[in-house]
Amino acid sequence: MTDVERIQTLLGVTLDDADKGRVEVYITEAKQAIMVYIQQYLPDGAEFPTELNYLVDHLALAKYNKFHNEGLKSISEEGLTLSFNSNDLKDYMDDIQAWIDRNSDGKDLMGNAIGW
């Protein structure tokens, strides 16, 4: 299953071409954000670890759900209020740190993933 197919399944919809393109960008950005923290622990030339795809899914879905509401902290309409994180990655820093701890192989690179 591709990254976009996973997002479609999680959303329970069939995405049109415009939405697929947007989701592909969200997926790429999510992987880039995670790679900032984990790249030094990957072998040279290694691809994004599939075991972290669940983080990519959560981050891409959060971005997709914020579409047209970027930059807002919350929105209210007809009694419904939605609140958005300003930094979606922050909620997953413990998961990223656990991955780093498990994959550092005792290298001197051992460190902490600090959120932005």
Protein backbone atom coordinates (compact mmCIF):
# COMPACT_ATOMS: atom_id res chain seq x y z
CA MET A 1 0.00 0.00 0.00
CA THR A 2 1.38 3.42 -0.91
CA ASP A 3 1.54 6.37 1.46
CA VAL A 4 -1.37 8.09 -0.32
CA GLU A 5 -3.44 4.90 -0.29
CA ARG A 6 -2.93 4.63 3.49
CA ILE A 7 -4.19 8.20 3.94
CA GLN A 8 -7.21 7.50 1.69
CA THR A 9 -8.01 4.43 3.77
CA LEU A 10 -7.70 6.34 7.03
CA LEU A 11 -9.91 9.13 5.70
CA GLY A 12 -12.42 6.66 4.27
CA VAL A 13 -12.68 8.61 1.00
CA THR A 14 -11.37 8.47 -2.53
CA LEU A 15 -9.19 11.50 -3.11
CA ASP A 16 -9.38 13.43 -6.36
CA ASP A 17 -6.15 14.39 -8.16
CA ALA A 18 -5.88 17.77 -6.41
CA ASP A 19 -6.28 16.19 -2.96
CA LYS A 20 -3.83 13.40 -3.84
CA GLY A 21 -1.24 15.99 -4.81
CA ARG A 22 -1.80 17.91 -1.58
CA VAL A 23 -1.55 14.69 0.49
CA GLU A 24 1.68 13.75 -1.28
CA VAL A 25 3.16 17.11 -0.24
CA TYR A 26 1.95 16.62 3.35
CA ILE A 27 3.56 13.16 3.41
CA THR A 28 6.84 14.50 2.03
CA GLU A 29 6.90 17.33 4.57
CA ALA A 30 6.11 14.93 7.44
CA LYS A 31 8.97 12.64 6.44
CA GLN A 32 11.33 15.61 6.12
CA ALA A 33 10.38 16.87 9.58
CA ILE A 34 11.01 13.45 11.13
CA MET A 35 14.26 12.98 9.19
CA VAL A 36 15.67 16.14 10.79
CA TYR A 37 15.82 14.13 14.02
CA ILE A 38 16.61 10.61 12.83
CA GLN A 39 18.80 10.95 9.74
CA GLN A 40 22.06 10.79 11.66
CA TYR A 41 21.02 7.38 13.03
CA LEU A 42 20.33 5.88 9.59
CA PRO A 43 22.95 4.14 7.47
CA ASP A 44 24.15 6.24 4.52
CA GLY A 45 21.62 6.10 1.68
CA ALA A 46 18.92 4.49 3.82
CA GLU A 47 15.33 5.37 3.07
CA PHE A 48 12.73 6.53 5.54
CA PRO A 49 12.05 3.72 8.05
CA THR A 50 8.64 2.18 7.36
CA GLU A 51 8.15 1.55 11.09
CA LEU A 52 7.65 5.32 11.46
CA ASN A 53 4.93 5.50 8.79
CA TYR A 54 2.28 5.77 11.49
CA LEU A 55 3.82 9.12 12.46
CA VAL A 56 3.74 10.24 8.84
CA ASP A 57 0.08 9.23 8.64
CA HIS A 58 -0.84 11.18 11.77
CA LEU A 59 1.06 14.28 10.65
CA ALA A 60 -0.35 14.17 7.11
CA LEU A 61 -3.90 13.70 8.40
CA ALA A 62 -3.48 16.62 10.80
CA LYS A 63 -2.33 18.85 7.91
CA TYR A 64 -5.13 17.61 5.66
CA ASN A 65 -7.71 18.40 8.33
CA LYS A 66 -6.30 21.91 8.73
CA PHE A 67 -6.59 22.70 5.01
CA HIS A 68 -8.00 26.23 4.58
CA ASN A 69 -7.45 26.83 8.29
CA GLU A 70 -3.66 27.07 8.29
CA GLY A 71 -2.29 29.41 10.91
CA LEU A 72 -5.42 29.31 13.07
CA LYS A 73 -5.31 28.02 16.61
CA SER A 74 -9.05 27.31 16.68
CA ILE A 75 -12.19 27.83 14.66
CA SER A 76 -15.82 27.91 15.79
CA GLU A 77 -18.90 27.53 13.66
CA GLU A 78 -22.49 26.84 14.69
CA GLY A 79 -21.55 25.52 18.13
CA LEU A 80 -18.65 23.36 16.88
CA THR A 81 -15.16 24.38 17.95
CA LEU A 82 -12.00 22.86 16.52
CA SER A 83 -8.59 23.48 18.10
CA PHE A 84 -5.33 22.95 16.23
CA ASN A 85 -1.79 22.33 17.45
CA SER A 86 0.73 24.87 16.26
CA ASN A 87 3.32 22.07 16.14
CA ASP A 88 1.88 18.66 15.32
CA LEU A 89 5.27 16.97 15.56
CA LYS A 90 5.60 17.90 19.25
CA ASP A 91 3.04 15.25 20.21
CA TYR A 92 5.26 12.53 18.72
CA MET A 93 8.67 13.51 20.08
CA ASP A 94 8.60 10.66 22.63
CA ASP A 95 8.03 8.19 19.77
CA ILE A 96 10.90 9.68 17.79
CA GLN A 97 13.15 9.59 20.85
CA ALA A 98 12.25 5.92 21.42
CA TRP A 99 13.18 5.15 17.80
CA ILE A 100 16.50 7.00 18.24
CA ASP A 101 17.26 5.14 21.47
CA ARG A 102 16.52 1.79 19.81
CA ASN A 103 18.49 2.53 16.64
CA SER A 104 21.55 4.39 17.85
CA ASP A 105 23.55 1.13 18.17
CA GLY A 106 25.54 2.58 21.05
CA LYS A 107 27.06 5.23 18.79
CA ASP A 108 28.40 8.40 20.31
CA LEU A 109 25.53 10.09 18.50
CA MET A 110 23.15 9.27 21.35
CA GLY A 111 21.18 12.39 22.03
CA ASN A 112 17.76 13.84 22.51
CA ALA A 113 15.15 14.73 19.96
CA ILE A 114 14.07 18.21 20.96
CA GLY A 115 10.88 19.58 19.39
CA TRP A 116 10.63 22.95 17.77
